[in-house]
């Protein structure tokens, strides 16, 4: 991907090459699952402490 003078002004060069690394894909997958589980457990915990009338 050619970014031209924008990135050259920051001293990064003008061309970037992107590649998918397996360790980054696995880390992203594990992080996403952990965040989803944490959020759903918290929501379940909060809703279990509420009465039915409060939740409606």
N, C-alpha and C. Protein backbone atom coordinates (compact mmCIF):
# COMPACT_ATOMS: atom_id res chain seq x y z
N UNK A 1 0.85 -1.16 0.00
CA UNK A 1 0.00 0.00 0.00
C UNK A 1 0.90 1.23 0.00
N UNK A 2 0.72 2.09 -0.93
CA UNK A 2 1.56 3.27 -1.08
C UNK A 2 0.88 4.46 -0.41
N UNK A 3 1.55 5.02 0.58
CA UNK A 3 0.99 6.15 1.32
C UNK A 3 1.66 7.48 0.93
N UNK A 4 2.73 7.44 0.16
CA UNK A 4 3.35 8.65 -0.36
C UNK A 4 4.02 9.51 0.69
N UNK A 5 3.84 10.82 0.57
CA UNK A 5 4.56 11.78 1.40
C UNK A 5 4.03 11.87 2.83
N UNK A 6 2.83 11.37 3.07
CA UNK A 6 2.27 11.47 4.42
C UNK A 6 3.14 10.70 5.40
N UNK A 7 3.45 9.46 5.08
CA UNK A 7 4.26 8.66 6.01
C UNK A 7 5.74 8.99 5.93
N UNK A 8 6.19 9.48 4.80
CA UNK A 8 7.59 9.89 4.70
C UNK A 8 7.89 11.06 5.62
N UNK A 9 6.92 11.94 5.85
CA UNK A 9 7.14 13.07 6.75
C UNK A 9 7.32 12.60 8.19
N UNK A 10 6.81 11.41 8.52
CA UNK A 10 7.01 10.84 9.85
C UNK A 10 8.24 9.93 9.91
N UNK A 11 8.92 9.76 8.80
CA UNK A 11 10.11 8.94 8.75
C UNK A 11 9.83 7.45 8.66
N UNK A 12 8.66 7.07 8.14
CA UNK A 12 8.29 5.66 8.09
C UNK A 12 8.46 5.03 6.72
N UNK A 13 8.81 5.77 5.73
CA UNK A 13 8.89 5.23 4.37
C UNK A 13 7.58 5.48 3.64
N UNK A 14 7.53 5.07 2.38
CA UNK A 14 6.33 5.36 1.61
C UNK A 14 5.48 4.13 1.32
N UNK A 15 6.01 2.92 1.50
CA UNK A 15 5.27 1.71 1.18
C UNK A 15 5.18 0.80 2.40
N UNK A 16 3.99 0.24 2.63
CA UNK A 16 3.77 -0.72 3.70
C UNK A 16 3.33 -2.04 3.09
N UNK A 17 3.81 -3.13 3.65
CA UNK A 17 3.40 -4.46 3.22
C UNK A 17 2.72 -5.14 4.40
N UNK A 18 1.49 -5.60 4.19
CA UNK A 18 0.72 -6.24 5.24
C UNK A 18 0.73 -7.75 5.05
N UNK A 19 0.85 -8.47 6.16
CA UNK A 19 0.81 -9.92 6.10
C UNK A 19 0.09 -10.44 7.34
N UNK A 20 -0.61 -11.52 7.17
CA UNK A 20 -1.32 -12.14 8.29
C UNK A 20 -0.40 -13.14 8.96
N UNK A 21 -0.09 -12.89 10.22
CA UNK A 21 0.74 -13.80 10.99
C UNK A 21 -0.17 -14.70 11.82
N UNK A 22 0.05 -15.99 11.84
CA UNK A 22 -0.82 -16.90 12.60
C UNK A 22 -0.90 -16.56 14.08
N UNK A 23 0.20 -16.14 14.68
CA UNK A 23 0.17 -15.83 16.11
C UNK A 23 -0.70 -14.61 16.41
N UNK A 24 -0.76 -13.65 15.49
CA UNK A 24 -1.62 -12.49 15.67
C UNK A 24 -3.09 -12.86 15.49
N UNK A 25 -3.37 -13.75 14.56
CA UNK A 25 -4.75 -14.19 14.35
C UNK A 25 -5.25 -14.97 15.57
N UNK A 26 -4.41 -15.83 16.12
CA UNK A 26 -4.80 -16.62 17.30
C UNK A 26 -4.97 -15.70 18.51
N UNK A 27 -4.08 -14.74 18.69
CA UNK A 27 -4.19 -13.81 19.81
C UNK A 27 -5.47 -12.97 19.69
N UNK A 28 -5.81 -12.54 18.51
CA UNK A 28 -7.04 -11.79 18.29
C UNK A 28 -8.28 -12.63 18.56
N UNK A 29 -8.25 -13.88 18.14
CA UNK A 29 -9.37 -14.78 18.38
C UNK A 29 -9.57 -15.03 19.87
N UNK A 30 -8.49 -15.31 20.59
CA UNK A 30 -8.58 -15.56 22.02
C UNK A 30 -9.02 -14.30 22.77
N UNK A 31 -8.50 -13.15 22.37
CA UNK A 31 -8.91 -11.89 23.00
C UNK A 31 -10.39 -11.61 22.78
N UNK A 32 -10.87 -11.83 21.57
CA UNK A 32 -12.27 -11.60 21.26
C UNK A 32 -13.19 -12.51 22.06
N UNK A 33 -12.81 -13.77 22.19
CA UNK A 33 -13.61 -14.71 22.97
C UNK A 33 -13.61 -14.31 24.44
N UNK A 34 -12.46 -13.91 24.97
CA UNK A 34 -12.37 -13.51 26.38
C UNK A 34 -13.21 -12.26 26.65
N UNK A 35 -13.17 -11.29 25.77
CA UNK A 35 -13.96 -10.07 25.95
C UNK A 35 -15.46 -10.38 25.87
N UNK A 36 -15.86 -11.22 24.93
CA UNK A 36 -17.27 -11.58 24.79
C UNK A 36 -17.76 -12.34 26.02
N UNK A 37 -16.97 -13.27 26.51
CA UNK A 37 -17.38 -14.04 27.70
C UNK A 37 -17.45 -13.15 28.93
N UNK A 38 -16.49 -12.27 29.10
CA UNK A 38 -16.50 -11.36 30.25
C UNK A 38 -17.72 -10.45 30.22
N UNK A 39 -18.01 -9.90 29.07
CA UNK A 39 -19.17 -9.01 28.95
C UNK A 39 -20.48 -9.73 29.19
N UNK A 40 -20.62 -10.94 28.67
CA UNK A 40 -21.88 -11.67 28.86
C UNK A 40 -22.02 -12.16 30.29
N UNK A 41 -20.92 -12.56 30.94
CA UNK A 41 -20.99 -12.96 32.35
C UNK A 41 -21.36 -11.79 33.24
N UNK A 42 -20.82 -10.62 32.96
CA UNK A 42 -21.17 -9.44 33.75
C UNK A 42 -22.64 -9.08 33.57
N UNK A 43 -23.12 -9.12 32.33
CA UNK A 43 -24.53 -8.80 32.08
C UNK A 43 -25.44 -9.81 32.76
N UNK A 44 -25.07 -11.07 32.73
CA UNK A 44 -25.85 -12.10 33.39
C UNK A 44 -25.86 -11.92 34.90
N UNK A 45 -24.73 -11.56 35.46
CA UNK A 45 -24.62 -11.35 36.91
C UNK A 45 -25.49 -10.17 37.34
N UNK A 46 -25.42 -9.07 36.60
CA UNK A 46 -26.23 -7.88 36.93
C UNK A 46 -27.72 -8.19 36.80
N UNK A 47 -28.11 -8.86 35.72
CA UNK A 47 -29.53 -9.14 35.52
C UNK A 47 -30.05 -10.18 36.51
N UNK A 48 -29.22 -11.05 37.02
CA UNK A 48 -29.68 -12.04 38.00
C UNK A 48 -29.95 -11.40 39.36
N UNK A 49 -29.36 -10.25 39.63
CA UNK A 49 -29.56 -9.56 40.89
C UNK A 49 -30.74 -8.60 40.86
N UNK A 50 -31.32 -8.39 39.69
CA UNK A 50 -32.46 -7.48 39.56
C UNK A 50 -33.76 -8.24 39.74
N UNK A 51 -34.77 -7.54 40.20
CA UNK A 51 -36.10 -8.16 40.24
C UNK A 51 -36.70 -8.10 38.85
N UNK A 52 -37.77 -8.84 38.67
CA UNK A 52 -38.41 -8.87 37.36
C UNK A 52 -38.98 -7.50 37.00
N UNK A 53 -39.52 -6.81 37.97
CA UNK A 53 -40.11 -5.49 37.71
C UNK A 53 -39.03 -4.48 37.34
N UNK A 54 -37.86 -4.56 37.95
CA UNK A 54 -36.78 -3.64 37.60
C UNK A 54 -36.27 -3.89 36.19
N UNK A 55 -36.20 -5.14 35.80
CA UNK A 55 -35.68 -5.45 34.48
C UNK A 55 -36.66 -5.09 33.37
N UNK A 56 -37.95 -5.06 33.69
CA UNK A 56 -38.94 -4.66 32.67
C UNK A 56 -38.95 -3.15 32.55
